[in-house]
Amino acid sequence: MAVPMLDTHQSTRARPTGIDTSGLAGALAIMIAGVIGYFIFPDNLALLTRIIAIGLLVLSLDLVTGYSGVATLGHSALFGAGAYAAGIAAAHLGISEPLTMTLIGAVAGAIAGLLSGFVILRAHGLAQLVLSIAVVHLFHEAANKASSWTGGSDGLSAIMPEAVLGIFEFDLWGTTAYFFGLALLVVVFGLLRLLVRSPFGMLARGVKEDPIRVSAMGASVNAVLLRMYVVSGAVAGIGGALSAISTQVVGLDSFSFTLSAEALVMLVLGGTGSLLGGLVGTVVFMLIEETVSALNPFHWLTIIGVLLIAVVLVAPKGLYGSAVLVATRLRRARR
């Protein structure tokens, strides 16, 4: 069955041919930025690891919002599911091997994505947003009530991960946690690049652009979106697991509506429908938040708000998206 795209020219450009050089360049850029970050912030690796964990959440949100057009403000439910699953595995079940904890977080996130996607995708527009908010509050309340497993409002502690591959111990400076997270981010980014360029990824874009046409061609719109939601949940779950492994504690803030809203802001800031854009928005937002909140703890939200207004008005495609657009126009002008 032909995948419904906008036109023949656009479909030809989007079709993957040969080696994904842009994907390799993106992964290389992430690794280089990670190494540079290590030398710039050697005493604040915990912040950089947190940026990576939230970056995975934003990537997962980009899959359903930027690529598939699903409006949601409840994506922290998937992140929190991965964090609590990895934390419970270590604290209660004795499963403390980091890679296994990460896999458990991915599975838990995927299941949460399946459940929440089944509910959220039954509506559209404003009703969809309301359902997503309701879902994240339900997850939050469930974690709070299951205090014997989750620690309730006190949080889940006693998470002691083993050495990665039995070699690299988690140290007080956060070096192992940081490079473990960076490796996860590079691998996930590479896999997602393959996904969004695959026929399924093209179909998801088609659903965003013209769901009626996709349905008329015989494809199930809800099935496509639900599968993307499950993949998105797995990615968010990996981010949650990384957060649990690196901080060795999980709190109810993992299920907070604020986290969902901030993830959406980061995505818009960097540029929707672009994996690198989501990561750029995450880095910029969190570094500005860290810097401004330290300089002015009472009015930092005002400064962040002004920045967002400026970006939306001046660069509606986001920081990364607008930069790519400008670079493309400059190349065309030179030709």
Protein backbone atom coordinates (compact mmCIF):
# COMPACT_ATOMS: atom_id res chain seq x y z
CA MET A 1 0.00 0.00 0.00
CA ALA A 2 1.36 3.40 -0.90
CA VAL A 3 2.08 5.65 2.05
CA PRO A 4 0.04 8.87 1.69
CA MET A 5 2.40 11.82 1.62
CA LEU A 6 1.94 15.40 0.50
CA ASP A 7 3.34 15.14 -3.01
CA THR A 8 5.71 13.09 -5.11
CA HIS A 9 8.61 15.53 -4.76
CA GLN A 10 8.40 15.62 -0.96
CA SER A 11 8.01 11.84 -0.73
CA THR A 12 11.10 11.33 -2.87
CA ARG A 13 13.13 13.66 -0.67
CA ALA A 14 11.91 11.97 2.54
CA ARG A 15 12.59 8.44 1.31
CA PRO A 16 15.70 7.01 2.94
CA THR A 17 18.39 6.05 0.45
CA GLY A 18 21.62 4.38 1.48
CA ILE A 19 23.37 5.38 4.67
CA ASP A 20 21.64 7.96 6.84
CA THR A 21 24.51 10.46 6.87
CA SER A 22 22.44 13.11 8.67
CA GLY A 23 21.66 10.60 11.40
CA LEU A 24 25.33 9.72 11.79
CA ALA A 25 26.18 13.41 11.89
CA GLY A 26 23.52 13.97 14.55
CA ALA A 27 24.83 11.11 16.71
CA LEU A 28 28.38 12.42 16.30
CA ALA A 29 27.22 15.91 17.26
CA ILE A 30 25.61 14.53 20.42
CA MET A 31 28.81 12.71 21.39
CA ILE A 32 30.96 15.78 20.76
CA ALA A 33 28.57 18.00 22.71
CA GLY A 34 28.61 15.44 25.52
CA VAL A 35 32.40 15.44 25.75
CA ILE A 36 32.50 19.25 25.64
CA GLY A 37 29.86 19.39 28.38
CA TYR A 38 31.97 17.08 30.52
CA PHE A 39 34.93 19.46 30.39
CA ILE A 40 32.83 22.62 30.81
CA PHE A 41 30.79 21.34 33.75
CA PRO A 42 33.07 18.79 35.48
CA ASP A 43 31.59 19.65 38.88
CA ASN A 44 27.95 19.58 37.78
CA LEU A 45 27.60 16.28 35.97
CA ALA A 46 24.37 15.59 37.84
CA LEU A 47 22.75 18.48 35.95
CA LEU A 48 24.02 17.17 32.61
CA THR A 49 22.71 13.69 33.40
CA ARG A 50 19.35 15.21 34.29
CA ILE A 51 19.38 17.03 30.95
CA ILE A 52 19.94 13.72 29.16
CA ALA A 53 17.08 12.04 31.04
CA ILE A 54 14.69 14.90 30.26
CA GLY A 55 16.02 14.98 26.70
CA LEU A 56 14.84 11.39 26.28
CA LEU A 57 11.41 12.45 27.55
CA VAL A 58 11.31 15.31 25.01
CA LEU A 59 12.36 12.94 22.21
CA SER A 60 9.49 10.64 23.15
CA LEU A 61 7.08 13.57 23.14
CA ASP A 62 8.33 14.63 19.70
CA LEU A 63 7.38 11.22 18.32
CA VAL A 64 3.71 11.64 19.20
CA THR A 65 3.37 15.43 18.94
CA GLY A 66 5.93 16.57 16.39
CA TYR A 67 5.76 13.58 14.05
CA SER A 68 2.24 12.24 14.67
CA GLY A 69 0.26 15.34 15.69
CA VAL A 70 -1.14 14.04 18.99
CA ALA A 71 -1.82 16.81 21.52
CA THR A 72 -0.79 15.71 25.01
CA LEU A 73 0.13 17.27 28.34
CA GLY A 74 0.48 14.00 30.19
CA HIS A 75 3.72 12.54 28.91
CA SER A 76 5.34 12.52 32.32
CA ALA A 77 3.13 9.49 33.07
CA LEU A 78 5.38 7.45 30.77
CA PHE A 79 8.57 8.93 32.23
CA GLY A 80 7.40 8.27 35.79
CA ALA A 81 6.37 4.71 34.96
CA GLY A 82 9.89 3.95 33.77
CA ALA A 83 11.46 5.64 36.80
CA TYR A 84 9.31 3.80 39.33
CA ALA A 85 9.63 0.46 37.55
CA ALA A 86 13.44 0.67 37.57
CA GLY A 87 13.43 1.91 41.17
CA ILE A 88 11.08 -0.82 42.40
CA ALA A 89 13.15 -3.46 40.59
CA ALA A 90 16.26 -2.32 42.48
CA ALA A 91 14.75 -1.49 45.88
CA HIS A 92 12.28 -4.37 46.24
CA LEU A 93 13.26 -7.09 43.78
CA GLY A 94 17.03 -6.91 44.00
CA ILE A 95 17.49 -6.24 40.28
CA SER A 96 20.19 -3.58 40.33
CA GLU A 97 22.13 -4.19 37.11
CA PRO A 98 21.87 -0.82 35.23
CA LEU A 99 21.17 -2.21 31.75
CA THR A 100 18.48 -4.51 33.13
CA MET A 101 16.95 -1.64 35.08
CA THR A 102 16.92 0.42 31.89
CA LEU A 103 15.19 -2.39 30.00
CA ILE A 104 12.61 -2.70 32.78
CA GLY A 105 12.01 1.05 32.59
CA ALA A 106 11.54 0.84 28.81
CA VAL A 107 9.00 -1.99 29.14
CA ALA A 108 7.10 -0.17 31.88
CA GLY A 109 7.07 3.02 29.79
CA ALA A 110 5.80 1.10 26.77
CA ILE A 111 2.98 -0.44 28.83
CA ALA A 112 2.10 2.97 30.24
CA GLY A 113 2.14 4.31 26.69
CA LEU A 114 -0.24 1.58 25.57
CA LEU A 115 -2.68 2.26 28.42
CA SER A 116 -2.58 6.05 28.25
CA GLY A 117 -2.57 6.06 24.45
CA PHE A 118 -5.67 3.86 24.39
CA VAL A 119 -7.47 6.49 26.47
CA ILE A 120 -6.06 9.69 24.96
CA LEU A 121 -6.50 8.65 21.33
CA ARG A 122 -10.24 8.22 21.80
CA ALA A 123 -10.62 12.02 21.64
CA HIS A 124 -9.32 14.93 19.58
CA GLY A 125 -8.28 18.52 20.14
CA LEU A 126 -9.14 20.06 23.49
CA ALA A 127 -10.74 16.86 24.78
CA GLN A 128 -7.51 15.04 24.02
CA LEU A 129 -5.54 17.51 26.13
CA VAL A 130 -7.98 17.14 29.01
CA LEU A 131 -7.73 13.34 28.86
CA SER A 132 -3.92 13.50 28.87
CA ILE A 133 -3.96 15.70 31.98
CA ALA A 134 -6.41 13.30 33.66
CA VAL A 135 -4.17 10.33 32.83
CA VAL A 136 -1.06 11.84 34.40
CA HIS A 137 -3.02 12.72 37.55
CA LEU A 138 -4.30 9.13 37.76
CA PHE A 139 -0.75 7.79 37.53
CA HIS A 140 0.35 10.30 40.18
CA GLU A 141 -2.43 9.24 42.56
CA ALA A 142 -1.79 5.55 41.96
CA ALA A 143 1.90 5.98 42.86
CA ASN A 144 0.94 7.95 45.94
CA LYS A 145 -1.51 5.32 47.16
CA ALA A 146 0.82 2.36 46.56
CA SER A 147 3.17 3.67 49.24
CA SER A 148 4.36 0.23 50.30
CA TRP A 149 6.02 -0.12 46.88
CA THR A 150 6.64 3.49 45.84
CA GLY A 151 7.28 5.22 49.15
CA GLY A 152 4.31 7.51 48.57
CA SER A 153 4.97 11.20 49.17
CA ASP A 154 8.35 10.35 50.77
CA GLY A 155 9.64 8.91 47.53
CA LEU A 156 11.37 5.64 46.72
CA SER A 157 14.96 5.37 47.91
CA ALA A 158 17.45 2.55 48.59
CA ILE A 159 18.17 2.32 44.84
CA MET A 160 21.75 1.08 44.60
CA PRO A 161 22.74 0.23 41.00
CA GLU A 162 25.62 -2.14 40.39
CA ALA A 163 28.62 -1.31 38.24
CA VAL A 164 27.89 -0.94 34.54
CA LEU A 165 29.00 -4.15 32.80
CA GLY A 166 30.51 -5.09 36.15
CA ILE A 167 33.35 -2.61 35.55
CA PHE A 168 32.28 1.01 35.95
CA GLU A 169 31.14 1.81 39.48
CA PHE A 170 28.73 4.70 40.10
CA ASP A 171 30.81 7.37 41.82
CA LEU A 172 29.93 10.41 43.91
CA TRP A 173 30.91 12.80 41.11
CA GLY A 174 28.40 11.26 38.70
CA THR A 175 30.95 10.44 35.97
CA THR A 176 29.69 6.91 35.34
CA ALA A 177 26.05 7.97 35.41
CA TYR A 178 26.76 10.76 32.93
CA PHE A 179 28.57 8.65 30.34
CA PHE A 180 26.06 5.84 30.80
CA GLY A 181 23.29 8.32 30.04
CA LEU A 182 25.19 9.78 27.09
CA ALA A 183 25.63 6.30 25.60
CA LEU A 184 21.91 5.62 26.03
CA LEU A 185 21.04 8.91 24.34
CA VAL A 186 23.25 8.22 21.31
CA VAL A 187 21.82 4.71 20.86
CA VAL A 188 18.21 5.85 21.26
CA PHE A 189 18.76 8.79 18.90
CA GLY A 190 20.17 6.49 16.23
CA LEU A 191 17.26 4.07 16.53
CA LEU A 192 14.71 6.87 16.41
CA ARG A 193 16.34 8.30 13.29
CA LEU A 194 15.82 4.93 11.62
CA LEU A 195 12.23 4.83 12.88
CA VAL A 196 11.16 8.26 11.63
CA ARG A 197 12.70 7.57 8.21
CA SER A 198 11.09 4.14 7.92
CA PRO A 199 7.78 3.50 6.08
CA PHE A 200 6.05 3.46 9.48
CA GLY A 201 7.55 6.85 10.33
CA MET A 202 6.42 8.23 6.97
CA LEU A 203 2.94 6.87 7.63
CA ALA A 204 2.86 8.58 11.04
CA ARG A 205 3.74 11.88 9.35
CA GLY A 206 0.99 11.24 6.84
CA VAL A 207 -1.48 10.79 9.71
CA LYS A 208 -0.44 14.15 11.12
CA GLU A 209 -0.80 15.94 7.80
CA ASP A 210 -3.95 14.28 6.44
CA PRO A 211 -5.55 11.59 8.64
CA ILE A 212 -8.69 11.43 6.48
CA ARG A 213 -6.68 10.55 3.40
CA VAL A 214 -4.69 7.93 5.31
CA SER A 215 -7.93 6.37 6.53
CA ALA A 216 -9.37 6.43 3.01
CA MET A 217 -6.30 4.55 1.77
CA GLY A 218 -7.20 1.71 4.13
CA ALA A 219 -4.74 2.31 7.00
CA SER A 220 -5.95 2.49 10.58
CA VAL A 221 -5.11 5.93 11.98
CA ASN A 222 -5.64 4.89 15.61
CA ALA A 223 -3.47 1.79 15.18
CA VAL A 224 -0.60 3.87 13.79
CA LEU A 225 -0.87 6.42 16.58
CA LEU A 226 -1.15 3.77 19.28
CA ARG A 227 1.98 1.98 18.05
CA MET A 228 3.84 5.27 18.01
CA TYR A 229 2.59 5.94 21.54
CA VAL A 230 4.02 2.60 22.69
CA VAL A 231 7.41 3.38 21.12
CA SER A 232 7.26 6.83 22.69
CA GLY A 233 6.52 5.26 26.06
CA ALA A 234 9.57 3.01 25.78
CA VAL A 235 11.82 6.02 25.09
CA ALA A 236 10.31 8.03 27.96
CA GLY A 237 10.67 4.96 30.20
CA ILE A 238 14.39 4.80 29.40
CA GLY A 239 14.67 8.44 30.45
CA GLY A 240 12.84 7.68 33.69
CA ALA A 241 15.05 4.68 34.39
CA LEU A 242 18.16 6.80 33.81
CA SER A 243 16.81 9.36 36.28
CA ALA A 244 16.26 6.63 38.90
CA ILE A 245 19.71 5.13 38.31
CA SER A 246 21.58 8.42 38.42
CA THR A 247 19.80 10.03 41.40
CA GLN A 248 19.08 6.74 43.22
CA VAL A 249 15.70 8.09 44.30
CA VAL A 250 12.30 8.44 42.65
CA GLY A 251 9.66 10.93 43.77
CA LEU A 252 6.11 11.81 42.81
CA ASP A 253 7.48 14.75 40.81
CA SER A 254 8.22 12.16 38.11
CA PHE A 255 4.45 12.10 37.52
CA SER A 256 3.95 15.85 37.81
CA PHE A 257 1.93 17.87 35.31
CA THR A 258 4.66 20.52 35.50
CA LEU A 259 7.18 18.07 34.02
CA SER A 260 4.82 17.33 31.11
CA ALA A 261 4.27 21.03 30.45
CA GLU A 262 8.00 21.82 30.60
CA ALA A 263 8.76 18.98 28.19
CA LEU A 264 6.29 20.48 25.71
CA VAL A 265 7.87 23.92 26.16
CA MET A 266 11.34 22.44 25.49
CA LEU A 267 10.05 20.76 22.34
CA VAL A 268 8.50 23.97 21.02
CA LEU A 269 11.63 25.92 21.96
CA GLY A 270 13.89 23.63 19.93
CA GLY A 271 11.48 22.83 17.12
CA THR A 272 8.84 20.13 16.70
CA GLY A 273 9.21 17.31 14.21
CA SER A 274 13.00 17.24 14.60
CA LEU A 275 14.85 14.94 16.97
CA LEU A 276 17.84 17.25 17.25
CA GLY A 277 15.47 20.18 17.73
CA GLY A 278 13.97 18.55 20.81
CA LEU A 279 17.43 17.99 22.27
CA VAL A 280 18.52 21.56 21.53
CA GLY A 281 15.39 22.91 23.23
CA THR A 282 16.03 20.72 26.27
CA VAL A 283 19.64 21.85 26.67
CA VAL A 284 18.83 25.54 26.18
CA PHE A 285 15.82 25.52 28.51
CA MET A 286 17.48 23.62 31.34
CA LEU A 287 20.76 25.54 31.21
CA ILE A 288 18.91 28.86 31.20
CA GLU A 289 16.67 27.64 34.01
CA GLU A 290 19.68 26.58 36.07
CA THR A 291 21.57 29.83 35.46
CA VAL A 292 18.70 32.29 35.81
CA SER A 293 17.15 30.62 38.85
CA ALA A 294 20.52 30.86 40.60
CA LEU A 295 20.92 34.54 39.73
CA ASN A 296 17.31 35.53 40.45
CA PRO A 297 15.37 32.83 42.33
CA PHE A 298 12.25 35.01 42.59
CA HIS A 299 11.73 36.13 39.00
CA TRP A 300 13.42 33.47 36.86
CA LEU A 301 10.07 32.24 35.52
CA THR A 302 9.39 35.71 34.13
CA ILE A 303 12.68 35.65 32.24
CA ILE A 304 11.92 32.19 30.88
CA GLY A 305 8.48 33.40 29.79
CA VAL A 306 9.93 36.38 27.93
CA LEU A 307 12.42 34.10 26.19
CA LEU A 308 9.67 31.75 25.04
CA ILE A 309 7.55 34.61 23.72
CA ALA A 310 10.53 35.94 21.79
CA VAL A 311 11.30 32.53 20.28
CA VAL A 312 7.69 31.87 19.26
CA LEU A 313 7.35 35.30 17.62
CA VAL A 314 10.79 35.53 16.00
CA ALA A 315 11.53 31.85 15.31
CA PRO A 316 8.19 29.99 15.09
CA LYS A 317 9.93 26.81 13.93
CA GLY A 318 12.03 26.77 17.10
CA LEU A 319 15.71 27.48 17.58
CA TYR A 320 17.00 24.47 15.68
CA GLY A 321 14.27 24.48 13.05
CA SER A 322 14.79 28.16 12.28
CA ALA A 323 18.57 27.72 12.14
CA VAL A 324 18.19 24.89 9.62
CA LEU A 325 15.77 27.00 7.58
CA VAL A 326 18.18 29.95 7.48
CA ALA A 327 21.11 27.69 6.55
CA THR A 328 19.07 26.13 3.73
CA ARG A 329 18.14 29.52 2.32
CA LEU A 330 21.76 30.66 2.45
CA ARG A 331 22.89 27.57 0.53
CA ARG A 332 20.24 28.15 -2.10
CA ALA A 333 21.22 31.81 -2.40
CA ARG A 334 24.87 30.85 -3.00
CA ARG A 335 23.82 28.47 -5.77
